[in-house]
Protein backbone atom coordinates (compact mmCIF):
# COMPACT_ATOMS: atom_id res chain seq x y z
CA UNK A 1 -62.90 -35.37 -63.45
CA UNK A 2 -62.08 -36.94 -60.07
CA UNK A 3 -65.77 -37.54 -59.31
CA UNK A 4 -66.07 -39.66 -62.47
CA UNK A 5 -63.30 -41.89 -61.13
CA UNK A 6 -64.47 -41.98 -57.50
CA UNK A 7 -68.10 -42.74 -58.29
CA UNK A 8 -67.01 -46.01 -59.91
CA UNK A 9 -65.37 -47.24 -56.68
CA UNK A 10 -67.07 -49.54 -54.16
CA UNK A 11 -64.91 -48.32 -51.27
CA UNK A 12 -63.03 -45.07 -50.67
CA UNK A 13 -60.46 -44.83 -47.87
CA UNK A 14 -59.65 -41.16 -47.39
CA UNK A 15 -56.68 -39.70 -45.51
CA UNK A 16 -57.21 -36.17 -46.81
CA UNK A 17 -58.81 -34.48 -43.78
CA UNK A 18 -62.02 -32.63 -42.96
CA UNK A 19 -62.21 -30.27 -45.93
CA UNK A 20 -61.78 -33.05 -48.49
CA UNK A 21 -64.30 -35.27 -46.70
CA UNK A 22 -66.88 -32.49 -46.51
CA UNK A 23 -66.59 -31.63 -50.19
CA UNK A 24 -66.09 -35.04 -51.80
CA UNK A 25 -68.38 -37.11 -49.57
CA UNK A 26 -71.27 -34.68 -50.05
CA UNK A 27 -70.76 -34.53 -53.81
CA UNK A 28 -70.59 -38.32 -54.12
CA UNK A 29 -73.66 -38.93 -51.96
CA UNK A 30 -75.57 -36.24 -53.91
CA UNK A 31 -74.78 -38.25 -57.07
CA UNK A 32 -76.34 -41.29 -55.35
CA UNK A 33 -73.00 -43.05 -54.82
CA UNK A 34 -73.70 -46.17 -52.72
CA UNK A 35 -70.11 -47.13 -51.82
CA UNK A 36 -68.38 -47.34 -48.46
CA UNK A 37 -66.60 -44.22 -47.19
CA UNK A 38 -63.84 -44.90 -44.64
CA UNK A 39 -61.76 -42.15 -43.05
CA UNK A 40 -60.69 -40.63 -39.74
CA UNK A 41 -61.71 -37.00 -40.35
CA UNK A 42 -64.09 -35.69 -37.71
CA UNK A 43 -66.46 -34.24 -40.33
CA UNK A 44 -68.79 -37.25 -40.42
CA UNK A 45 -68.29 -38.74 -36.94
CA UNK A 46 -71.46 -37.43 -35.36
CA UNK A 47 -73.67 -37.77 -38.43
CA UNK A 48 -76.72 -39.90 -37.75
CA UNK A 49 -75.92 -42.28 -40.60
CA UNK A 50 -72.23 -42.83 -39.81
CA UNK A 51 -70.55 -45.36 -37.56
CA UNK A 52 -67.56 -44.43 -35.42
CA UNK A 53 -65.03 -47.25 -35.63
CA UNK A 54 -63.03 -48.09 -32.54
CA UNK A 55 -62.42 -51.78 -33.10
CA UNK A 56 -62.50 -54.04 -31.13
CA UNK A 57 -64.34 -51.92 -28.52
CA UNK A 58 -67.48 -51.44 -30.58
CA UNK A 59 -67.10 -54.35 -32.98
CA UNK A 60 -70.68 -55.51 -32.29
CA UNK A 61 -72.02 -52.06 -33.19
CA UNK A 62 -69.89 -51.97 -36.36
CA UNK A 63 -71.30 -55.32 -37.49
CA UNK A 64 -74.84 -54.17 -36.68
CA UNK A 65 -74.36 -50.96 -38.70
CA UNK A 66 -73.05 -52.97 -41.67
CA UNK A 67 -76.12 -55.22 -41.55
CA UNK A 68 -78.33 -52.10 -41.39
CA UNK A 69 -76.75 -50.72 -44.58
CA UNK A 70 -74.43 -48.10 -43.07
CA UNK A 71 -71.91 -46.89 -45.64
CA UNK A 72 -69.84 -44.33 -43.68
CA UNK A 73 -67.26 -45.67 -41.20
CA UNK A 74 -65.17 -43.12 -39.40
CA UNK A 75 -62.12 -43.65 -37.18
CA UNK A 76 -61.98 -41.88 -33.82
CA UNK A 77 -59.69 -40.07 -31.39
CA UNK A 78 -56.36 -38.39 -31.87
CA UNK A 79 -53.11 -37.87 -30.04
CA UNK A 80 -53.49 -34.16 -29.10
CA UNK A 81 -56.07 -33.56 -26.35
CA UNK A 82 -55.68 -29.75 -26.21
CA UNK A 83 -56.79 -28.51 -29.62
CA UNK A 84 -59.37 -25.79 -30.04
CA UNK A 85 -61.03 -23.54 -27.51
CA UNK A 86 -61.56 -24.03 -23.80
CA UNK A 87 -65.13 -24.38 -22.53
CA UNK A 88 -66.39 -22.75 -19.32
CA UNK A 89 -66.02 -26.06 -17.47
CA UNK A 90 -62.27 -25.99 -18.31
CA UNK A 91 -62.64 -28.77 -20.87
CA UNK A 92 -60.90 -28.54 -24.21
CA UNK A 93 -62.85 -28.77 -27.45
CA UNK A 94 -61.27 -32.19 -28.01
CA UNK A 95 -62.28 -33.48 -24.57
CA UNK A 96 -65.87 -32.41 -25.23
CA UNK A 97 -65.70 -34.16 -28.60
CA UNK A 98 -64.39 -37.34 -26.89
CA UNK A 99 -67.41 -37.36 -24.58
CA UNK A 100 -69.85 -37.17 -27.46
CA UNK A 101 -67.95 -39.68 -29.61
CA UNK A 102 -67.63 -42.16 -26.72
CA UNK A 103 -71.38 -41.97 -26.19
CA UNK A 104 -71.94 -42.77 -29.87
CA UNK A 105 -69.26 -45.51 -30.01
CA UNK A 106 -70.86 -47.31 -27.06
CA UNK A 107 -74.40 -46.57 -28.30
CA UNK A 108 -75.44 -44.89 -25.05
CA UNK A 109 -77.97 -42.14 -24.38
CA UNK A 110 -76.14 -40.76 -21.35
CA UNK A 111 -72.94 -38.72 -21.45
CA UNK A 112 -69.72 -40.28 -20.17
CA UNK A 113 -67.56 -37.72 -18.32
CA UNK A 114 -64.07 -37.65 -19.84
CA UNK A 115 -61.30 -35.36 -18.68
CA UNK A 116 -57.98 -35.58 -20.49
CA UNK A 117 -57.23 -38.39 -22.88
CA UNK A 118 -54.44 -39.32 -25.25
CA UNK A 119 -55.18 -41.93 -27.90
CA UNK A 120 -53.82 -42.52 -31.37
CA UNK A 121 -56.53 -42.31 -34.01
CA UNK A 122 -56.85 -45.37 -36.12
CA UNK A 123 -58.90 -48.24 -37.31
CA UNK A 124 -57.60 -51.45 -35.70
CA UNK A 125 -54.54 -50.17 -33.85
CA UNK A 126 -52.67 -51.57 -30.88
CA UNK A 127 -51.30 -48.19 -29.75
CA UNK A 128 -54.25 -47.06 -27.63
CA UNK A 129 -54.15 -46.19 -23.96
CA UNK A 130 -56.91 -44.94 -21.71
CA UNK A 131 -58.20 -45.11 -18.17
CA UNK A 132 -61.84 -45.89 -17.44
CA UNK A 133 -63.08 -45.56 -13.89
């Protein structure tokens, strides 16, 4: 029932989390839905065909992805840096994720070392703080 409603939409902004995104996004795309999917769940962040949105930092990449036909735009970062397991290098799962997401946001091939960060996830938010050295 819900798929019949959603498939008619041009844009879906989801605030339902990873499980919802995984289920609904996959089902919609399998039905050849061509709309825009916008959310902040980490499920799609590292997918090849998605764009991580951290405006205005990667605004040029966002515009490029739109012109290339990208349909999945995913917000990045969160406020809790110590979620998940600890890796052997003493990094948290979230810190490791930040490294990979930062690389994708900036469209770089090399890894950017990141140790400890606290940002508020959002699309176009003025409540971000970080140190780059």
